[in-house]
Amino acid sequence: MFWLFKTFSYLLNALPNRVVLWMGDLLGGVWYYLIPLRRSTVIANLTLAYGDSKSAQEIDALARRNLRHLGRVMLEAARSFVWTRQDFRTKMGFSGFEHIEPYLKEKRGGFLVSFHLGCWELSPGAGVGQGVPVDVVT
């Protein structure tokens, strides 16, 4: 099974980014229509969050976009499975190093709190790619 996932990751990396994003959108669309339990959970949560400020059609559109986003995230994360430190350095953006650098120079630890936005699962690899030792607590 390991070699199968690794092969899938190499194949995803061989594809242009726009193709992988399209595949993620397709995966999310299939997820929306074929897994009604997940769809109903997303809709219920969005309805709870937005209350009466959004119509049922707007909530449904947000649910579809959310699941397309999750499809993209799954493929983006799968791509990174075979990345090296150099790949993370070149393929991921990294800003704010000036805030971390003093802690590294003094060999002091610190906490980095992050939002749960985008494909945050790649953040630890981006840090390691920049030479920042990372431990993740969720």
N, C-alpha and C. Protein backbone atom coordinates (compact mmCIF):
# COMPACT_ATOMS: atom_id res chain seq x y z
N MET A 1 0.83 -1.19 0.00
CA MET A 1 0.00 0.00 0.00
C MET A 1 0.88 1.26 0.00
N PHE A 2 2.00 1.23 0.73
CA PHE A 2 2.90 2.37 0.80
C PHE A 2 3.40 2.75 -0.58
N TRP A 3 3.85 1.79 -1.36
CA TRP A 3 4.39 2.08 -2.69
C TRP A 3 3.31 2.63 -3.61
N LEU A 4 2.05 2.20 -3.41
CA LEU A 4 0.94 2.69 -4.22
C LEU A 4 0.71 4.18 -3.95
N PHE A 5 0.71 4.56 -2.67
CA PHE A 5 0.52 5.96 -2.32
C PHE A 5 1.68 6.81 -2.82
N LYS A 6 2.89 6.28 -2.69
CA LYS A 6 4.08 7.00 -3.15
C LYS A 6 4.04 7.19 -4.67
N THR A 7 3.63 6.16 -5.39
CA THR A 7 3.49 6.25 -6.84
C THR A 7 2.44 7.29 -7.22
N PHE A 8 1.32 7.30 -6.50
CA PHE A 8 0.26 8.29 -6.73
C PHE A 8 0.81 9.70 -6.52
N SER A 9 1.62 9.89 -5.49
CA SER A 9 2.21 11.19 -5.20
C SER A 9 3.14 11.62 -6.34
N TYR A 10 3.98 10.72 -6.82
CA TYR A 10 4.86 11.04 -7.95
C TYR A 10 4.04 11.42 -9.19
N LEU A 11 2.96 10.69 -9.45
CA LEU A 11 2.11 10.99 -10.60
C LEU A 11 1.48 12.37 -10.47
N LEU A 12 0.99 12.70 -9.29
CA LEU A 12 0.41 14.03 -9.07
C LEU A 12 1.43 15.13 -9.30
N ASN A 13 2.67 14.90 -8.89
CA ASN A 13 3.73 15.89 -9.08
C ASN A 13 4.10 16.06 -10.55
N ALA A 14 3.86 15.05 -11.36
CA ALA A 14 4.17 15.14 -12.78
C ALA A 14 3.13 15.96 -13.55
N LEU A 15 1.97 16.15 -12.95
CA LEU A 15 0.89 16.89 -13.61
C LEU A 15 1.02 18.39 -13.37
N PRO A 16 0.55 19.20 -14.32
CA PRO A 16 0.52 20.64 -14.08
C PRO A 16 -0.41 20.97 -12.91
N ASN A 17 -0.11 22.04 -12.19
CA ASN A 17 -0.88 22.42 -11.02
C ASN A 17 -2.36 22.61 -11.36
N ARG A 18 -2.65 23.23 -12.48
CA ARG A 18 -4.05 23.48 -12.84
C ARG A 18 -4.83 22.18 -13.02
N VAL A 19 -4.16 21.14 -13.48
CA VAL A 19 -4.81 19.83 -13.65
C VAL A 19 -5.11 19.22 -12.28
N VAL A 20 -4.16 19.32 -11.36
CA VAL A 20 -4.36 18.78 -10.02
C VAL A 20 -5.50 19.54 -9.32
N LEU A 21 -5.55 20.85 -9.47
CA LEU A 21 -6.63 21.62 -8.87
C LEU A 21 -7.98 21.24 -9.47
N TRP A 22 -8.02 21.03 -10.78
CA TRP A 22 -9.25 20.59 -11.43
C TRP A 22 -9.68 19.22 -10.90
N MET A 23 -8.70 18.33 -10.74
CA MET A 23 -9.01 17.00 -10.18
C MET A 23 -9.55 17.12 -8.76
N GLY A 24 -8.98 18.03 -7.97
CA GLY A 24 -9.48 18.26 -6.61
C GLY A 24 -10.90 18.77 -6.62
N ASP A 25 -11.20 19.70 -7.54
CA ASP A 25 -12.57 20.20 -7.67
C ASP A 25 -13.53 19.06 -8.04
N LEU A 26 -13.07 18.22 -8.96
CA LEU A 26 -13.90 17.08 -9.38
C LEU A 26 -14.12 16.12 -8.21
N LEU A 27 -13.07 15.84 -7.47
CA LEU A 27 -13.18 14.96 -6.30
C LEU A 27 -14.17 15.54 -5.29
N GLY A 28 -14.09 16.84 -5.04
CA GLY A 28 -15.02 17.49 -4.12
C GLY A 28 -16.44 17.45 -4.61
N GLY A 29 -16.63 17.61 -5.92
CA GLY A 29 -17.98 17.52 -6.49
C GLY A 29 -18.57 16.13 -6.35
N VAL A 30 -17.75 15.13 -6.61
CA VAL A 30 -18.20 13.74 -6.44
C VAL A 30 -18.54 13.50 -4.97
N TRP A 31 -17.68 14.00 -4.10
CA TRP A 31 -17.90 13.87 -2.65
C TRP A 31 -19.24 14.50 -2.27
N TYR A 32 -19.54 15.68 -2.79
CA TYR A 32 -20.79 16.38 -2.47
C TYR A 32 -21.99 15.53 -2.87
N TYR A 33 -21.95 14.97 -4.07
CA TYR A 33 -23.13 14.25 -4.57
C TYR A 33 -23.22 12.80 -4.12
N LEU A 34 -22.09 12.15 -3.82
CA LEU A 34 -22.14 10.71 -3.51
C LEU A 34 -22.00 10.37 -2.03
N ILE A 35 -21.67 11.33 -1.19
CA ILE A 35 -21.54 11.06 0.24
C ILE A 35 -22.50 12.00 0.99
N PRO A 36 -23.79 11.66 1.00
CA PRO A 36 -24.79 12.57 1.57
C PRO A 36 -24.59 12.86 3.05
N LEU A 37 -24.01 11.94 3.82
CA LEU A 37 -23.80 12.18 5.25
C LEU A 37 -22.87 13.36 5.45
N ARG A 38 -21.77 13.39 4.73
CA ARG A 38 -20.82 14.50 4.86
C ARG A 38 -21.45 15.81 4.37
N ARG A 39 -22.17 15.74 3.26
CA ARG A 39 -22.84 16.93 2.72
C ARG A 39 -23.82 17.50 3.74
N SER A 40 -24.61 16.65 4.36
CA SER A 40 -25.59 17.15 5.33
C SER A 40 -24.91 17.73 6.57
N THR A 41 -23.77 17.17 6.96
CA THR A 41 -23.02 17.72 8.10
C THR A 41 -22.50 19.11 7.77
N VAL A 42 -21.93 19.27 6.57
CA VAL A 42 -21.41 20.57 6.15
C VAL A 42 -22.55 21.59 6.10
N ILE A 43 -23.67 21.22 5.51
CA ILE A 43 -24.81 22.14 5.41
C ILE A 43 -25.34 22.49 6.79
N ALA A 44 -25.44 21.52 7.68
CA ALA A 44 -25.92 21.80 9.04
C ALA A 44 -24.98 22.76 9.77
N ASN A 45 -23.68 22.55 9.63
CA ASN A 45 -22.72 23.44 10.29
C ASN A 45 -22.75 24.85 9.71
N LEU A 46 -22.86 24.96 8.40
CA LEU A 46 -22.94 26.29 7.78
C LEU A 46 -24.23 27.00 8.17
N THR A 47 -25.32 26.26 8.24
CA THR A 47 -26.60 26.85 8.67
C THR A 47 -26.50 27.34 10.10
N LEU A 48 -25.86 26.57 10.95
CA LEU A 48 -25.65 26.98 12.34
C LEU A 48 -24.79 28.24 12.41
N ALA A 49 -23.73 28.29 11.60
CA ALA A 49 -22.81 29.43 11.63
C ALA A 49 -23.46 30.70 11.06
N TYR A 50 -24.23 30.57 9.98
CA TYR A 50 -24.77 31.75 9.33
C TYR A 50 -26.21 32.08 9.72
N GLY A 51 -26.90 31.14 10.34
CA GLY A 51 -28.27 31.40 10.76
C GLY A 51 -29.13 31.85 9.60
N ASP A 52 -29.87 32.91 9.82
CA ASP A 52 -30.78 33.42 8.79
C ASP A 52 -30.12 34.41 7.84
N SER A 53 -28.82 34.67 8.01
CA SER A 53 -28.16 35.68 7.17
C SER A 53 -27.87 35.17 5.76
N LYS A 54 -27.97 33.87 5.54
CA LYS A 54 -27.77 33.31 4.20
C LYS A 54 -28.94 32.40 3.87
N SER A 55 -29.32 32.41 2.59
CA SER A 55 -30.42 31.57 2.13
C SER A 55 -29.97 30.12 2.02
N ALA A 56 -30.92 29.22 1.86
CA ALA A 56 -30.60 27.80 1.69
C ALA A 56 -29.75 27.59 0.44
N GLN A 57 -29.99 28.38 -0.62
CA GLN A 57 -29.21 28.26 -1.85
C GLN A 57 -27.77 28.73 -1.62
N GLU A 58 -27.59 29.81 -0.85
CA GLU A 58 -26.25 30.29 -0.56
C GLU A 58 -25.49 29.29 0.30
N ILE A 59 -26.18 28.70 1.28
CA ILE A 59 -25.56 27.68 2.13
C ILE A 59 -25.14 26.48 1.29
N ASP A 60 -26.01 26.07 0.38
CA ASP A 60 -25.70 24.92 -0.48
C ASP A 60 -24.49 25.22 -1.36
N ALA A 61 -24.41 26.43 -1.90
CA ALA A 61 -23.27 26.82 -2.74
C ALA A 61 -21.98 26.82 -1.91
N LEU A 62 -22.05 27.32 -0.67
CA LEU A 62 -20.88 27.29 0.22
C LEU A 62 -20.46 25.86 0.52
N ALA A 63 -21.43 24.98 0.73
CA ALA A 63 -21.12 23.57 1.01
C ALA A 63 -20.40 22.94 -0.17
N ARG A 64 -20.87 23.21 -1.38
CA ARG A 64 -20.20 22.67 -2.58
C ARG A 64 -18.78 23.21 -2.69
N ARG A 65 -18.59 24.51 -2.46
CA ARG A 65 -17.24 25.10 -2.52
C ARG A 65 -16.34 24.52 -1.43
N ASN A 66 -16.90 24.30 -0.25
CA ASN A 66 -16.12 23.73 0.85
C ASN A 66 -15.61 22.34 0.49
N LEU A 67 -16.46 21.51 -0.07
CA LEU A 67 -16.04 20.15 -0.41
C LEU A 67 -15.07 20.14 -1.59
N ARG A 68 -15.23 21.08 -2.53
CA ARG A 68 -14.23 21.20 -3.61
C ARG A 68 -12.88 21.58 -3.01
N HIS A 69 -12.91 22.51 -2.05
CA HIS A 69 -11.66 22.91 -1.37
C HIS A 69 -11.02 21.70 -0.69
N LEU A 70 -11.82 20.89 -0.01
CA LEU A 70 -11.28 19.70 0.65
C LEU A 70 -10.69 18.71 -0.35
N GLY A 71 -11.32 18.59 -1.51
CA GLY A 71 -10.76 17.73 -2.58
C GLY A 71 -9.40 18.23 -3.01
N ARG A 72 -9.26 19.56 -3.16
CA ARG A 72 -7.97 20.14 -3.53
C ARG A 72 -6.93 19.89 -2.45
N VAL A 73 -7.32 20.10 -1.20
CA VAL A 73 -6.39 19.92 -0.07
C VAL A 73 -5.88 18.48 -0.03
N MET A 74 -6.77 17.53 -0.24
CA MET A 74 -6.35 16.12 -0.20
C MET A 74 -5.29 15.85 -1.26
N LEU A 75 -5.48 16.38 -2.47
CA LEU A 75 -4.50 16.12 -3.53
C LEU A 75 -3.22 16.92 -3.32
N GLU A 76 -3.34 18.15 -2.81
CA GLU A 76 -2.14 18.93 -2.52
C GLU A 76 -1.30 18.25 -1.44
N ALA A 77 -1.95 17.75 -0.42
CA ALA A 77 -1.23 17.05 0.65
C ALA A 77 -0.61 15.76 0.11
N ALA A 78 -1.33 15.04 -0.73
CA ALA A 78 -0.80 13.80 -1.31
C ALA A 78 0.42 14.08 -2.17
N ARG A 79 0.41 15.22 -2.86
CA ARG A 79 1.57 15.60 -3.66
C ARG A 79 2.83 15.72 -2.82
N SER A 80 2.68 16.29 -1.64
CA SER A 80 3.84 16.60 -0.80
C SER A 80 4.47 15.36 -0.17
N PHE A 81 3.84 14.23 -0.30
CA PHE A 81 4.33 13.01 0.33
C PHE A 81 5.74 12.65 -0.09
N VAL A 82 6.11 12.98 -1.31
CA VAL A 82 7.45 12.62 -1.81
C VAL A 82 8.37 13.83 -1.93
N TRP A 83 7.96 14.98 -1.42
CA TRP A 83 8.79 16.18 -1.51
C TRP A 83 9.99 16.10 -0.57
N THR A 84 11.08 16.69 -1.01
CA THR A 84 12.28 16.84 -0.19
C THR A 84 12.22 18.21 0.51
N ARG A 85 13.20 18.46 1.37
CA ARG A 85 13.29 19.79 2.00
C ARG A 85 13.40 20.87 0.93
N GLN A 86 14.19 20.59 -0.09
CA GLN A 86 14.36 21.57 -1.18
C GLN A 86 13.03 21.81 -1.90
N ASP A 87 12.24 20.77 -2.12
CA ASP A 87 10.93 20.93 -2.75
C ASP A 87 10.04 21.84 -1.92
N PHE A 88 10.01 21.62 -0.60
CA PHE A 88 9.21 22.49 0.26
C PHE A 88 9.71 23.93 0.18
N ARG A 89 11.02 24.10 0.11
CA ARG A 89 11.61 25.44 0.05
C ARG A 89 11.20 26.16 -1.24
N THR A 90 11.17 25.44 -2.34
CA THR A 90 10.88 26.08 -3.63
C THR A 90 9.39 26.13 -3.96
N LYS A 91 8.61 25.21 -3.44
CA LYS A 91 7.19 25.14 -3.82
C LYS A 91 6.24 25.82 -2.84
N MET A 92 6.74 26.13 -1.66
CA MET A 92 5.88 26.71 -0.62
C MET A 92 6.35 28.13 -0.31
N GLY A 93 5.40 29.01 -0.10
CA GLY A 93 5.75 30.35 0.36
C GLY A 93 6.06 30.31 1.85
N PHE A 94 6.93 31.17 2.29
CA PHE A 94 7.28 31.24 3.71
C PHE A 94 7.57 32.69 4.02
N SER A 95 6.76 33.29 4.87
CA SER A 95 7.00 34.69 5.25
C SER A 95 6.99 34.80 6.77
N GLY A 96 7.60 35.83 7.26
CA GLY A 96 7.64 36.06 8.71
C GLY A 96 8.81 35.41 9.40
N PHE A 97 9.82 34.97 8.64
CA PHE A 97 10.98 34.31 9.25
C PHE A 97 11.67 35.22 10.26
N GLU A 98 11.58 36.52 10.04
CA GLU A 98 12.24 37.47 10.95
C GLU A 98 11.69 37.38 12.38
N HIS A 99 10.48 36.87 12.53
CA HIS A 99 9.89 36.69 13.86
C HIS A 99 10.41 35.42 14.55
N ILE A 100 10.81 34.46 13.77
CA ILE A 100 11.27 33.17 14.29
C ILE A 100 12.78 33.17 14.51
N GLU A 101 13.49 33.88 13.66
CA GLU A 101 14.95 33.86 13.66
C GLU A 101 15.60 34.15 15.02
N PRO A 102 15.13 35.14 15.80
CA PRO A 102 15.78 35.38 17.11
C PRO A 102 15.70 34.16 18.03
N TYR A 103 14.60 33.43 18.00
CA TYR A 103 14.46 32.23 18.83
C TYR A 103 15.45 31.15 18.39
N LEU A 104 15.62 31.02 17.08
CA LEU A 104 16.57 30.02 16.57
C LEU A 104 18.01 30.38 16.95
N LYS A 105 18.37 31.66 16.84
CA LYS A 105 19.73 32.10 17.16
C LYS A 105 20.04 31.88 18.64
N GLU A 106 19.05 32.09 19.50
CA GLU A 106 19.24 31.93 20.94
C GLU A 106 18.98 30.49 21.40
N LYS A 107 18.65 29.62 20.43
CA LYS A 107 18.33 28.22 20.72
C LYS A 107 17.22 28.12 21.76
N ARG A 108 16.23 28.98 21.61
CA ARG A 108 15.05 28.98 22.48
C ARG A 108 13.87 28.43 21.70
N GLY A 109 12.98 27.80 22.40
CA GLY A 109 11.77 27.31 21.78
C GLY A 109 10.73 28.40 21.72
N GLY A 110 9.68 28.12 21.03
CA GLY A 110 8.58 29.06 20.94
C GLY A 110 7.35 28.36 20.41
N PHE A 111 6.24 29.06 20.44
CA PHE A 111 5.00 28.53 19.92
C PHE A 111 4.58 29.35 18.72
N LEU A 112 4.12 28.68 17.71
CA LEU A 112 3.57 29.32 16.54
C LEU A 112 2.12 28.86 16.44
N VAL A 113 1.23 29.80 16.52
CA VAL A 113 -0.19 29.48 16.42
C VAL A 113 -0.65 29.86 15.02
N SER A 114 -1.35 28.95 14.39
CA SER A 114 -1.74 29.17 13.01
C SER A 114 -3.24 28.99 12.83
N PHE A 115 -3.77 29.70 11.85
CA PHE A 115 -5.16 29.51 11.47
C PHE A 115 -5.30 28.19 10.72
N HIS A 116 -6.48 27.71 10.65
CA HIS A 116 -6.80 26.49 9.91
C HIS A 116 -7.33 26.92 8.54
N LEU A 117 -6.43 27.47 7.73
CA LEU A 117 -6.80 28.00 6.42
C LEU A 117 -5.99 27.33 5.33
N GLY A 118 -6.59 27.23 4.16
CA GLY A 118 -5.88 26.67 3.02
C GLY A 118 -5.43 25.25 3.30
N CYS A 119 -4.30 24.90 2.75
CA CYS A 119 -3.73 23.58 2.97
C CYS A 119 -2.68 23.69 4.07
N TRP A 120 -3.15 23.96 5.28
CA TRP A 120 -2.26 24.18 6.43
C TRP A 120 -1.43 22.93 6.74
N GLU A 121 -1.85 21.79 6.27
CA GLU A 121 -1.11 20.55 6.52
C GLU A 121 0.31 20.60 5.96
N LEU A 122 0.54 21.50 5.01
CA LEU A 122 1.87 21.62 4.42
C LEU A 122 2.76 22.58 5.21
N SER A 123 2.21 23.30 6.17
CA SER A 123 2.98 24.28 6.94
C SER A 123 4.20 23.70 7.65
N PRO A 124 4.09 22.55 8.34
CA PRO A 124 5.29 22.01 8.99
C PRO A 124 6.42 21.74 8.00
N GLY A 125 6.09 21.21 6.84
CA GLY A 125 7.11 20.95 5.82
C GLY A 125 7.74 22.24 5.32
N ALA A 126 6.92 23.30 5.20
CA ALA A 126 7.45 24.60 4.77
C ALA A 126 8.44 25.12 5.80
N GLY A 127 8.13 24.95 7.09
CA GLY A 127 9.05 25.37 8.14
C GLY A 127 10.34 24.59 8.11
N VAL A 128 10.24 23.29 8.01
CA VAL A 128 11.43 22.43 7.97
C VAL A 128 12.26 22.76 6.73
N GLY A 129 11.60 23.07 5.62
CA GLY A 129 12.31 23.45 4.41
C GLY A 129 13.15 24.70 4.60
N GLN A 130 12.74 25.56 5.55
CA GLN A 130 13.49 26.79 5.85
C GLN A 130 14.48 26.59 6.99
N GLY A 131 14.59 25.35 7.50
CA GLY A 131 15.53 25.07 8.56
C GLY A 131 14.98 25.28 9.97
N VAL A 132 13.67 25.39 10.08
CA VAL A 132 13.04 25.58 11.39
C VAL A 132 12.63 24.21 11.92
N PRO A 133 13.17 23.79 13.08
CA PRO A 133 12.73 22.51 13.64
C PRO A 133 11.27 22.63 14.09
N VAL A 134 10.46 21.66 13.72
CA VAL A 134 9.02 21.76 13.95
C VAL A 134 8.49 20.51 14.64
N ASP A 135 7.70 20.71 15.67
CA ASP A 135 6.87 19.67 16.27
C ASP A 135 5.44 20.17 16.17
N VAL A 136 4.52 19.29 15.85
CA VAL A 136 3.12 19.70 15.66
C VAL A 136 2.26 19.15 16.77
N VAL A 137 1.45 20.00 17.33
CA VAL A 137 0.44 19.61 18.32
C VAL A 137 -0.90 20.06 17.80
N THR A 138 -1.83 19.16 17.68
CA THR A 138 -3.17 19.55 17.22
C THR A 138 -4.19 19.23 18.27
